[in-house]
Amino acid sequence: MADWLFAPMRPGDLNIDPVEREFFATEALGGITDALVRESIQNSLDAAVDDRVDVRFALHKVEMDAARGLLDDL
């Protein structure tokens, strides 16, 4: 039986399953908002208790100056 050989992880390296790239390709999802919604719902389903999940999304119009401080921290 063959042994698997992996390069050692270094600080800052991302451990990404190659298949994940396919799931999160924005071309396949139709955009980054689709990916965000899909991943949020999937995470909620994964954390479900008693098979019940409530997910709510709210959209608000925000002036760019008000949001700039939040965006700069990303």
Protein backbone atom coordinates (compact mmCIF):
# COMPACT_ATOMS: atom_id res chain seq x y z
CA MET A 1 0.00 0.00 0.00
CA ALA A 2 1.30 3.47 -0.93
CA ASP A 3 1.98 6.14 1.68
CA TRP A 4 0.62 9.64 1.26
CA LEU A 5 3.24 12.38 1.28
CA PHE A 6 2.25 15.96 2.06
CA ALA A 7 4.34 19.10 2.20
CA PRO A 8 4.66 20.45 5.75
CA MET A 9 2.31 23.32 6.56
CA ARG A 10 3.95 26.69 7.19
CA PRO A 11 2.44 29.62 9.10
CA GLY A 12 0.00 31.41 6.82
CA ASP A 13 -0.54 28.42 4.49
CA LEU A 14 -4.13 27.61 3.63
CA ASN A 15 -5.22 23.99 3.85
CA ILE A 16 -7.79 23.83 1.05
CA ASP A 17 -9.23 20.69 -0.44
CA PRO A 18 -8.79 21.03 -4.22
CA VAL A 19 -12.48 20.23 -4.68
CA GLU A 20 -13.38 23.31 -2.58
CA ARG A 21 -12.01 25.55 -5.30
CA GLU A 22 -14.71 24.19 -7.59
CA PHE A 23 -17.47 24.87 -5.05
CA PHE A 24 -16.35 28.43 -4.36
CA ALA A 25 -15.51 29.51 -7.90
CA THR A 26 -17.61 32.62 -8.39
CA GLU A 27 -18.15 31.69 -12.04
CA ALA A 28 -19.88 28.48 -10.94
CA LEU A 29 -21.96 30.24 -8.28
CA GLY A 30 -23.04 33.30 -10.20
CA GLY A 31 -21.26 35.73 -7.87
CA ILE A 32 -19.76 36.26 -4.45
CA THR A 33 -23.17 37.01 -2.89
CA ASP A 34 -24.44 33.60 -4.00
CA ALA A 35 -21.39 31.99 -2.40
CA LEU A 36 -21.92 33.93 0.84
CA VAL A 37 -25.58 32.95 1.08
CA ARG A 38 -24.90 29.32 0.21
CA GLU A 39 -22.05 28.99 2.71
CA SER A 40 -24.05 30.75 5.46
CA ILE A 41 -26.98 28.38 4.98
CA GLN A 42 -24.69 25.33 4.81
CA ASN A 43 -22.94 26.34 8.04
CA SER A 44 -26.32 26.79 9.70
CA LEU A 45 -27.48 23.37 8.51
CA ASP A 46 -24.25 21.80 9.78
CA ALA A 47 -24.83 23.31 13.22
CA ALA A 48 -28.56 22.45 13.35
CA VAL A 49 -30.08 21.13 16.54
CA ASP A 50 -33.04 18.78 16.15
CA ASP A 51 -32.94 19.28 12.37
CA ARG A 52 -34.40 22.79 12.64
CA VAL A 53 -32.69 25.78 11.13
CA ASP A 54 -33.86 29.37 10.84
CA VAL A 55 -31.79 31.62 8.61
CA ARG A 56 -32.65 35.26 8.09
CA PHE A 57 -30.98 37.74 5.80
CA ALA A 58 -31.60 41.46 5.99
CA LEU A 59 -30.46 43.97 3.41
CA HIS A 60 -29.93 47.58 4.34
CA LYS A 61 -28.82 50.58 2.38
CA VAL A 62 -25.74 52.10 4.00
CA GLU A 63 -23.81 55.17 3.02
CA MET A 64 -20.26 54.30 1.98
CA ASP A 65 -18.72 56.68 4.51
CA ALA A 66 -20.56 54.91 7.32
CA ALA A 67 -19.44 51.47 6.13
CA ARG A 68 -15.84 52.40 5.32
CA GLY A 69 -14.60 51.75 8.87
CA LEU A 70 -16.07 48.25 8.82
CA LEU A 71 -14.74 47.48 5.35
CA ASP A 72 -11.26 48.73 6.18
CA ASP A 73 -11.04 46.15 8.96
CA LEU A 74 -11.67 43.19 6.64
